[in-house]
C-alpha atoms as a PDB file:
ATOM      1  CA  MET A   1     -36.772  81.655 112.085  1.00  0.00           C
ATOM      2  CA  ASP A   2     -38.325  85.054 111.828  1.00  0.00           C
ATOM      3  CA  GLU A   3     -40.639  83.200 114.270  1.00  0.00           C
ATOM      4  CA  ARG A   4     -38.308  82.183 116.679  1.00  0.00           C
ATOM      5  CA  ILE A   5     -36.657  85.662 117.117  1.00  0.00           C
ATOM      6  CA  ARG A   6     -40.135  87.402 117.353  1.00  0.00           C
ATOM      7  CA  ARG A   7     -40.550  84.598 120.265  1.00  0.00           C
ATOM      8  CA  ALA A   8     -37.541  85.707 121.636  1.00  0.00           C
ATOM      9  CA  PHE A   9     -38.119  89.125 121.938  1.00  0.00           C
ATOM     10  CA  GLY A  10     -41.347  88.674 123.183  1.00  0.00           C
ATOM     11  CA  ALA A  11     -39.881  87.075 126.275  1.00  0.00           C
ATOM     12  CA  VAL A  12     -37.705  89.812 126.881  1.00  0.00           C
ATOM     13  CA  ARG A  13     -40.471  92.326 126.513  1.00  0.00           C
ATOM     14  CA  ALA A  14     -42.378  90.040 129.081  1.00  0.00           C
ATOM     15  CA  ASP A  15     -39.452  89.986 131.369  1.00  0.00           C
ATOM     16  CA  GLU A  16     -39.098  93.813 131.203  1.00  0.00           C
ATOM     17  CA  ALA A  17     -42.837  94.235 132.218  1.00  0.00           C
ATOM     18  CA  LEU A  18     -42.292  92.229 135.059  1.00  0.00           C
ATOM     19  CA  ARG A  19     -39.301  94.079 136.001  1.00  0.00           C
ATOM     20  CA  GLU A  20     -41.313  97.601 135.718  1.00  0.00           C
ATOM     21  CA  LYS A  21     -43.725  96.012 137.905  1.00  0.00           C
ATOM     22  CA  THR A  22     -41.511  94.773 140.445  1.00  0.00           C
ATOM     23  CA  LEU A  23     -39.792  98.282 140.672  1.00  0.00           C
ATOM     24  CA  ALA A  24     -43.275  99.993 140.938  1.00  0.00           C
ATOM     25  CA  ALA A  25     -43.954  97.674 143.758  1.00  0.00           C
ATOM     26  CA  LEU A  26     -40.848  98.500 145.431  1.00  0.00           C
ATOM     27  CA  ALA A  27     -41.263 102.195 144.934  1.00  0.00           C
ATOM     28  CA  GLU A  28     -44.588 101.841 146.580  1.00  0.00           C
ATOM     29  CA  ARG A  29     -43.298 100.105 149.714  1.00  0.00           C
ATOM     30  CA  ARG A  30     -40.686 102.869 150.182  1.00  0.00           C
ATOM     31  CA  THR A  31     -43.295 105.492 150.198  1.00  0.00           C
ATOM     32  CA  ARG A  32     -45.457 103.821 152.426  1.00  0.00           C
ATOM     33  CA  PRO A  33     -45.306 104.989 156.087  1.00  0.00           C
ATOM     34  CA  ALA A  34     -43.586 102.217 158.284  1.00  0.00           C
ATOM     35  CA  PRO A  35     -45.684 100.942 161.538  1.00  0.00           C
ATOM     36  CA  ARG A  36     -44.226 103.042 164.542  1.00  0.00           C
ATOM     37  CA  ARG A  37     -42.692 101.038 167.228  1.00  0.00           C
ATOM     38  CA  ARG A  38     -42.195 102.104 170.658  1.00  0.00           C
ATOM     39  CA  PRO A  39     -38.512 101.446 171.736  1.00  0.00           C
ATOM     40  CA  LEU A  40     -38.028  99.062 173.960  1.00  0.00           C
ATOM     41  CA  ALA A  41     -35.985 101.468 176.422  1.00  0.00           C
ATOM     42  CA  ALA A  42     -38.391 103.792 176.520  1.00  0.00           C
ATOM     43  CA  ALA A  43     -41.014 101.301 177.254  1.00  0.00           C
ATOM     44  CA  LEU A  44     -39.024 100.108 180.177  1.00  0.00           C
ATOM     45  CA  ALA A  45     -38.444 103.607 181.536  1.00  0.00           C
ATOM     46  CA  ALA A  46     -42.376 104.057 181.851  1.00  0.00           C
ATOM     47  CA  LEU A  47     -42.360 101.020 183.664  1.00  0.00           C
ATOM     48  CA  ALA A  48     -39.647 101.811 185.870  1.00  0.00           C
ATOM     49  CA  LEU A  49     -41.942 105.492 186.551  1.00  0.00           C
ATOM     50  CA  ALA A  50     -45.062 103.484 187.489  1.00  0.00           C
ATOM     51  CA  VAL A  51     -43.532 100.953 189.784  1.00  0.00           C
ATOM     52  CA  LEU A  52     -41.499 104.057 191.297  1.00  0.00           C
ATOM     53  CA  THR A  53     -44.798 106.283 191.944  1.00  0.00           C
ATOM     54  CA  ALA A  54     -46.681 103.305 192.804  1.00  0.00           C
ATOM     55  CA  ALA A  55     -43.713 102.730 195.456  1.00  0.00           C
ATOM     56  CA  GLY A  56     -43.595 106.158 196.564  1.00  0.00           C
ATOM     57  CA  GLY A  57     -47.705 106.390 197.292  1.00  0.00           C
ATOM     58  CA  LEU A  58     -47.274 103.252 198.924  1.00  0.00           C
ATOM     59  CA  ALA A  59     -44.489 104.635 201.363  1.00  0.00           C
ATOM     60  CA  TYR A  60     -46.703 107.783 201.973  1.00  0.00           C
ATOM     61  CA  ALA A  61     -49.623 105.988 203.018  1.00  0.00           C
ATOM     62  CA  THR A  62     -48.410 103.350 205.170  1.00  0.00           C
ATOM     63  CA  PRO A  63     -48.289 104.909 209.132  1.00  0.00           C
ATOM     64  CA  ALA A  64     -44.792 104.251 210.454  1.00  0.00           C
ATOM     65  CA  ALA A  65     -45.358 105.976 214.019  1.00  0.00           C
ATOM     66  CA  ALA A  66     -48.822 106.896 216.279  1.00  0.00           C
ATOM     67  CA  VAL A  67     -48.800 110.235 218.056  1.00  0.00           C
ATOM     68  CA  SER A  68     -51.149 110.267 220.833  1.00  0.00           C
ATOM     69  CA  VAL A  69     -52.551 113.689 222.133  1.00  0.00           C
ATOM     70  CA  ASP A  70     -54.255 112.629 225.570  1.00  0.00           C
ATOM     71  CA  ALA A  71     -56.688 115.506 227.436  1.00  0.00           C
ATOM     72  CA  ASP A  72     -60.064 115.484 228.484  1.00  0.00           C
ATOM     73  CA  ALA A  73     -60.568 113.946 224.806  1.00  0.00           C
ATOM     74  CA  SER A  74     -58.257 111.347 223.107  1.00  0.00           C
ATOM     75  CA  VAL A  75     -56.927 111.961 219.478  1.00  0.00           C
ATOM     76  CA  GLU A  76     -54.643 109.745 217.996  1.00  0.00           C
ATOM     77  CA  LEU A  77     -52.127 110.810 214.623  1.00  0.00           C
ATOM     78  CA  ALA A  78     -51.136 108.125 212.283  1.00  0.00           C
ATOM     79  CA  VAL A  79     -47.611 109.446 211.043  1.00  0.00           C
ATOM     80  CA  ASN A  80     -45.658 107.865 207.777  1.00  0.00           C
ATOM     81  CA  ALA A  81     -42.160 107.607 207.553  1.00  0.00           C
ATOM     82  CA  PHE A  82     -41.554 111.196 206.323  1.00  0.00           C
ATOM     83  CA  GLY A  83     -43.442 112.748 209.333  1.00  0.00           C
ATOM     84  CA  ARG A  84     -46.686 113.545 207.679  1.00  0.00           C
ATOM     85  CA  VAL A  85     -50.246 112.742 209.205  1.00  0.00           C
ATOM     86  CA  VAL A  86     -51.989 109.737 207.389  1.00  0.00           C
ATOM     87  CA  GLY A  87     -54.932 109.026 209.733  1.00  0.00           C
ATOM     88  CA  VAL A  88     -56.327 110.168 212.387  1.00  0.00           C
ATOM     89  CA  ARG A  89     -58.300 108.441 215.303  1.00  0.00           C
ATOM     90  CA  CYS A  90     -60.728 110.342 217.436  1.00  0.00           C
ATOM     91  CA  TYR A  91     -61.537 108.579 220.791  1.00  0.00           C
ATOM     92  CA  ASP A  92     -64.808 110.309 221.769  1.00  0.00           C
ATOM     93  CA  GLY A  93     -67.065 113.291 220.339  1.00  0.00           C
ATOM     94  CA  GLY A  94     -65.028 115.853 222.035  1.00  0.00           C
ATOM     95  CA  ALA A  95     -61.993 114.718 220.348  1.00  0.00           C
ATOM     96  CA  GLN A  96     -64.095 114.774 216.715  1.00  0.00           C
ATOM     97  CA  ALA A  97     -65.256 118.536 217.106  1.00  0.00           C
ATOM     98  CA  VAL A  98     -61.740 119.572 217.774  1.00  0.00           C
ATOM     99  CA  VAL A  99     -60.553 117.812 214.667  1.00  0.00           C
ATOM    100  CA  ASP A 100     -63.176 118.797 212.522  1.00  0.00           C
ATOM    101  CA  ALA A 101     -62.020 122.185 213.950  1.00  0.00           C
ATOM    102  CA  THR A 102     -58.048 121.631 213.565  1.00  0.00           C
ATOM    103  CA  PRO A 103     -57.239 120.207 209.921  1.00  0.00           C
ATOM    104  CA  VAL A 104     -54.290 118.029 210.466  1.00  0.00           C
ATOM    105  CA  LEU A 105     -54.117 115.571 207.534  1.00  0.00           C
ATOM    106  CA  HIS A 106     -50.872 115.972 205.760  1.00  0.00           C
ATOM    107  CA  HIS A 107     -49.650 117.989 207.904  1.00  0.00           C
ATOM    108  CA  HIS A 108     -46.185 117.322 209.579  1.00  0.00           C
ATOM    109  CA  TRP A 109     -46.724 115.608 213.009  1.00  0.00           C
ATOM    110  CA  THR A 110     -45.211 118.152 215.036  1.00  0.00           C
ATOM    111  CA  GLN A 111     -47.416 121.150 213.603  1.00  0.00           C
ATOM    112  CA  ALA A 112     -50.599 118.510 214.061  1.00  0.00           C
ATOM    113  CA  ALA A 113     -49.704 117.572 217.675  1.00  0.00           C
ATOM    114  CA  ALA A 114     -48.903 120.852 218.565  1.00  0.00           C
ATOM    115  CA  ALA A 115     -52.533 122.539 217.280  1.00  0.00           C
ATOM    116  CA  LEU A 116     -54.270 119.984 219.075  1.00  0.00           C
ATOM    117  CA  SER A 117     -52.582 120.395 221.801  1.00  0.00           C
ATOM    118  CA  ASP A 118     -53.437 124.125 221.795  1.00  0.00           C
ATOM    119  CA  ALA A 119     -57.038 123.102 221.060  1.00  0.00           C
ATOM    120  CA  LEU A 120     -57.410 120.067 223.632  1.00  0.00           C
ATOM    121  CA  ALA A 121     -55.522 122.175 226.845  1.00  0.00           C
ATOM    122  CA  GLU A 122     -58.747 124.296 227.537  1.00  0.00           C
ATOM    123  CA  GLY A 123     -59.839 121.107 229.141  1.00  0.00           C
ATOM    124  CA  GLY A 124     -56.640 120.650 231.206  1.00  0.00           C
ATOM    125  CA  SER A 125     -53.492 119.047 230.705  1.00  0.00           C
ATOM    126  CA  VAL A 126     -52.332 117.492 227.751  1.00  0.00           C
ATOM    127  CA  SER A 127     -49.778 114.953 226.977  1.00  0.00           C
ATOM    128  CA  VAL A 128     -48.059 113.925 224.098  1.00  0.00           C
ATOM    129  CA  THR A 129     -46.847 110.270 223.257  1.00  0.00           C
ATOM    130  CA  VAL A 130     -44.689 109.478 220.153  1.00  0.00           C
ATOM    131  CA  SER A 131     -44.501 105.838 219.347  1.00  0.00           C
ATOM    132  CA  ALA A 132     -42.733 104.308 216.341  1.00  0.00           C
ATOM    133  CA  GLY A 133     -41.514 101.630 214.437  1.00  0.00           C
ATOM    134  CA  SER A 134     -37.694 100.525 214.119  1.00  0.00           C
ATOM    135  CA  GLY A 135     -35.568 102.946 212.955  1.00  0.00           C
ATOM    136  CA  HIS A 136     -38.114 105.964 212.767  1.00  0.00           C
ATOM    137  CA  CYS A 137     -37.959 107.165 216.503  1.00  0.00           C
ATOM    138  CA  GLU A 138     -34.549 109.382 215.521  1.00  0.00           C
ATOM    139  CA  GLY A 139     -35.966 111.080 212.821  1.00  0.00           C
ATOM    140  CA  LEU A 140     -39.254 111.765 214.059  1.00  0.00           C
ATOM    141  CA  LEU A 141     -37.526 113.379 217.395  1.00  0.00           C
ATOM    142  CA  SER A 142     -35.202 115.225 215.058  1.00  0.00           C
ATOM    143  CA  ALA A 143     -37.865 117.565 213.820  1.00  0.00           C
ATOM    144  CA  GLY A 144     -38.451 121.065 215.145  1.00  0.00           C
ATOM    145  CA  GLY A 145     -41.178 120.992 217.700  1.00  0.00           C
ATOM    146  CA  ALA A 146     -40.245 117.636 218.873  1.00  0.00           C
ATOM    147  CA  ALA A 147     -38.021 118.601 221.593  1.00  0.00           C
ATOM    148  CA  GLY A 148     -38.832 117.314 225.138  1.00  0.00           C
ATOM    149  CA  LEU A 149     -40.648 114.301 224.113  1.00  0.00           C
ATOM    150  CA  THR A 150     -40.063 110.593 224.161  1.00  0.00           C
ATOM    151  CA  CYS A 151     -40.700 107.866 221.154  1.00  0.00           C
ATOM    152  CA  TYR A 152     -41.251 104.636 222.396  1.00  0.00           C
ATOM    153  CA  ALA A 153     -40.614 101.420 220.070  1.00  0.00           C
ATOM    154  CA  LEU A 154     -44.097 100.846 218.924  1.00  0.00           C
ATOM    155  CA  ASP A 155     -45.008  97.052 220.140  1.00  0.00           C
ATOM    156  CA  PRO A 156     -47.952  95.575 217.512  1.00  0.00           C
ATOM    157  CA  GLU A 157     -49.358  93.536 220.466  1.00  0.00           C
ATOM    158  CA  ALA A 158     -49.725  96.462 222.517  1.00  0.00           C
ATOM    159  CA  ALA A 159     -51.219  98.972 219.836  1.00  0.00           C
ATOM    160  CA  ARG A 160     -54.100  95.949 219.238  1.00  0.00           C
ATOM    161  CA  GLU A 161     -54.769  95.745 223.102  1.00  0.00           C
ATOM    162  CA  ALA A 162     -55.146  99.393 222.831  1.00  0.00           C
ATOM    163  CA  ARG A 163     -57.724  99.580 220.155  1.00  0.00           C
ATOM    164  CA  GLU A 164     -59.605  96.650 222.197  1.00  0.00           C
ATOM    165  CA  ALA A 165     -59.955  98.960 225.017  1.00  0.00           C
ATOM    166  CA  GLY A 166     -60.898 101.832 223.249  1.00  0.00           C
ATOM    167  CA  LEU A 167     -57.409 104.095 224.451  1.00  0.00           C
ATOM    168  CA  SER A 168     -55.152 105.911 222.651  1.00  0.00           C
ATOM    169  CA  LEU A 169     -51.700 104.312 222.697  1.00  0.00           C
ATOM    170  CA  GLY A 170     -50.437 107.114 225.485  1.00  0.00           C
ATOM    171  CA  LYS A 171     -53.326 106.490 227.335  1.00  0.00           C
ATOM    172  CA  TYR A 172     -53.119 102.934 227.031  1.00  0.00           C
ATOM    173  CA  ARG A 173     -49.204 103.281 228.380  1.00  0.00           C
ATOM    174  CA  ALA A 174     -50.637 105.611 231.122  1.00  0.00           C
ATOM    175  CA  TYR A 175     -52.858 102.976 232.037  1.00  0.00           C
ATOM    176  CA  LEU A 176     -49.938  99.977 232.168  1.00  0.00           C
ATOM    177  CA  THR A 177     -48.335 102.368 234.021  1.00  0.00           C
ATOM    178  CA  LEU A 178     -50.738 103.010 236.852  1.00  0.00           C
ATOM    179  CA  SER A 179     -51.614  99.247 236.810  1.00  0.00           C
ATOM    180  CA  ALA A 180     -48.079  98.195 237.366  1.00  0.00           C
ATOM    181  CA  LEU A 181     -48.623 100.322 240.857  1.00  0.00           C
ATOM    182  CA  ASP A 182     -52.083  99.832 241.732  1.00  0.00           C
ATOM    183  CA  PRO A 183     -53.324  96.455 239.778  1.00  0.00           C
ATOM    184  CA  THR A 184     -56.774  97.026 241.076  1.00  0.00           C
ATOM    185  CA  VAL A 185     -57.578  99.783 238.612  1.00  0.00           C
ATOM    186  CA  THR A 186     -58.918  98.521 235.439  1.00  0.00           C
ATOM    187  CA  GLN A 187     -59.272  99.435 231.724  1.00  0.00           C
ATOM    188  CA  ASP A 188     -62.650 100.867 232.110  1.00  0.00           C
ATOM    189  CA  GLU A 189     -61.643 102.972 234.825  1.00  0.00           C
ATOM    190  CA  ALA A 190     -58.526 104.409 232.920  1.00  0.00           C
ATOM    191  CA  GLY A 191     -61.013 105.166 230.132  1.00  0.00           C
ATOM    192  CA  GLU A 192     -63.133 107.341 232.342  1.00  0.00           C
ATOM    193  CA  MET A 193     -60.219 109.438 233.503  1.00  0.00           C
ATOM    194  CA  THR A 194     -58.375 112.143 231.969  1.00  0.00           C
ATOM    195  CA  MET A 195     -54.780 112.073 231.105  1.00  0.00           C
ATOM    196  CA  GLY A 196     -54.355 114.668 233.817  1.00  0.00           C
ATOM    197  CA  GLU A 197     -56.094 112.399 236.468  1.00  0.00           C
ATOM    198  CA  LEU A 198     -53.981 109.037 235.010  1.00  0.00           C
ATOM    199  CA  GLN A 199     -50.856 111.019 236.009  1.00  0.00           C
ATOM    200  CA  GLN A 200     -51.978 112.140 239.382  1.00  0.00           C
ATOM    201  CA  CYS A 201     -52.980 108.744 239.909  1.00  0.00           C
ATOM    202  CA  ILE A 202     -49.318 107.556 238.902  1.00  0.00           C
ATOM    203  CA  ASP A 203     -47.636 110.490 240.981  1.00  0.00           C
ATOM    204  CA  ALA A 204     -49.833 109.844 244.231  1.00  0.00           C
ATOM    205  CA  CYS A 205     -48.773 105.589 243.614  1.00  0.00           C
ATOM    206  CA  GLN A 206     -45.307 106.248 243.080  1.00  0.00           C
ATOM    207  CA  GLY A 207     -45.320 108.794 246.429  1.00  0.00           C
ATOM    208  CA  HIS A 208     -47.035 106.750 248.440  1.00  0.00           C
ATOM    209  CA  GLY A 209     -44.757 103.456 247.395  1.00  0.00           C
ATOM    210  CA  SER A 210     -41.453 105.083 247.521  1.00  0.00           C
ATOM    211  CA  GLY A 211     -41.259 106.559 251.088  1.00  0.00           C
ATOM    212  CA  GLN A 212     -38.798 108.962 252.396  1.00  0.00           C
ATOM    213  CA  GLY A 213     -35.790 107.460 251.340  1.00  0.00           C
ATOM    214  CA  GLN A 214     -37.098 107.572 247.405  1.00  0.00           C
ATOM    215  CA  GLN A 215     -38.327 110.963 247.714  1.00  0.00           C
ATOM    216  CA  GLY A 216     -35.185 112.472 246.468  1.00  0.00           C
ATOM    217  CA  SER A 217     -35.583 110.148 243.453  1.00  0.00           C
ATOM    218  CA  GLY A 218     -38.648 110.818 242.377  1.00  0.00           C
ATOM    219  CA  GLN A 219     -37.739 114.729 242.595  1.00  0.00           C
ATOM    220  CA  GLY A 220     -35.318 113.719 240.265  1.00  0.00           C
ATOM    221  CA  ASN A 221     -37.087 112.415 238.052  1.00  0.00           C
ATOM    222  CA  GLY A 222     -39.314 115.731 237.726  1.00  0.00           C
ATOM    223  CA  GLN A 223     -36.274 117.899 236.931  1.00  0.00           C
ATOM    224  CA  ASP A 224     -34.880 115.640 234.334  1.00  0.00           C
ATOM    225  CA  SER A 225     -38.617 115.692 232.762  1.00  0.00           C
ATOM    226  CA  GLY A 226     -38.435 114.656 229.119  1.00  0.00           C
ATOM    227  CA  GLN A 227     -34.698 113.610 229.203  1.00  0.00           C
ATOM    228  CA  THR A 228     -34.855 110.361 230.673  1.00  0.00           C
ATOM    229  CA  GLN A 229     -34.059 106.952 228.453  1.00  0.00           C
ATOM    230  CA  THR A 230     -34.751 103.370 229.094  1.00  0.00           C
ATOM    231  CA  ALA A 231     -34.287 100.360 226.544  1.00  0.00           C
ATOM    232  CA  GLY A 232     -36.421 100.842 223.809  1.00  0.00           C
ATOM    233  CA  GLU A 233     -36.817 104.799 224.275  1.00  0.00           C
ATOM    234  CA  THR A 234     -35.668 107.311 222.032  1.00  0.00           C
ATOM    235  CA  THR A 235     -35.605 110.784 223.811  1.00  0.00           C
ATOM    236  CA  SER A 236     -35.416 114.048 222.315  1.00  0.00           C
ATOM    237  CA  ALA A 237     -34.000 116.529 224.951  1.00  0.00           C
ATOM    238  CA  GLY A 238     -35.262 120.286 225.838  1.00  0.00           C
ATOM    239  CA  GLN A 239     -38.747 121.702 226.027  1.00  0.00           C
ATOM    240  CA  GLY A 240     -41.566 121.091 223.291  1.00  0.00           C
ATOM    241  CA  TYR A 241     -45.261 122.753 223.098  1.00  0.00           C
ATOM    242  CA  GLY A 242     -44.675 125.512 224.977  1.00  0.00           C
ATOM    243  CA  GLY A 243     -46.037 125.188 228.083  1.00  0.00           C
ATOM    244  CA  HIS A 244     -46.339 121.432 227.614  1.00  0.00           C
ATOM    245  CA  HIS A 245     -43.292 119.619 228.964  1.00  0.00           C
ATOM    246  CA  GLY A 246     -42.968 115.347 228.509  1.00  0.00           C
ATOM    247  CA  GLN A 247     -42.440 113.013 231.710  1.00  0.00           C
ATOM    248  CA  GLY A 248     -39.884 110.606 231.744  1.00  0.00           C
ATOM    249  CA  HIS A 249     -42.142 107.865 231.347  1.00  0.00           C
ATOM    250  CA  GLY A 250     -44.077 109.858 228.319  1.00  0.00           C
ATOM    251  CA  HIS A 251     -47.230 110.972 229.890  1.00  0.00           C
ATOM    252  CA  GLY A 252     -46.759 114.406 231.504  1.00  0.00           C
ATOM    253  CA  HIS A 253     -47.017 117.620 229.334  1.00  0.00           C
ATOM    254  CA  GLU A 254     -48.927 119.546 232.513  1.00  0.00           C
END
C-alpha cells in the first residue's frame, strides 16, 4: 500500500516538474524580442514612391519640343514638357563655341533661346522656331518671353529628314518653304546659307511671283508678323526676344 502511494505521488511530482519546465520555456519566449516585420502598407508606400520618382525622372528627361535658334550657326534645344532644356544639338563649330560659353541645359527654354539669340546675333539676323508635340504648343507659348513666336506641330518624319540633311528643324522648315517656291534649290545649298540668306531668298521668290496684284498681301503679312496662324500651328501674339520678331512662317527675327 505504501509503495503504491509513493508511486502515485512520484507521478504527481513528475507532472509538476514538467509543468514548471513548460512555464519556464513560455516565459523565455515572451521575453525574447519578436522578429521585426515591415508592415505591408509601408512597403506599398515605398514602392509607390519609387514608381513616382522613376516616372517623374523619365518625364523630365523626355523631349516634348524642339526649339531651333538659327543665324550664321544653328543650335537646337530639346525641351521637355515642363519647358526645361534637356538636350542641345550644335550644327557647326561656331554653334558649339556659343553653347560652351552660354550654358543652357536645365534652363527654361525662353531664357536659353534668348541667351543664344543674343550670342548669335553678332553674326546677323536670328530666327527662333518652336516645334512641339501634340498638346504642348500652348503651354510653351504661354511662358514669358515667347511672345511673337509661332509653334508648329512636331512632325517625326520631318525631324528625321532634317537630321539626315544636317539641318536644324527651323532651317529645314525654311528650306522646305524656299524649295516650294524654287524647286532648283538643294538641301546642300540651303545648308550653306545663313538663316538670313534663306529668308531673303524666300522673300525674293515671293515678291517675284506675287506681282503687283499680290504686293499688298505680302506687305500685310509683314505687318502681322508673328500673328498668322494656319493648320497645325499655334501663335503667341506680340513681340518677343527684343529686336527679333517672328514672321508668319516662323523663320524671321531679323
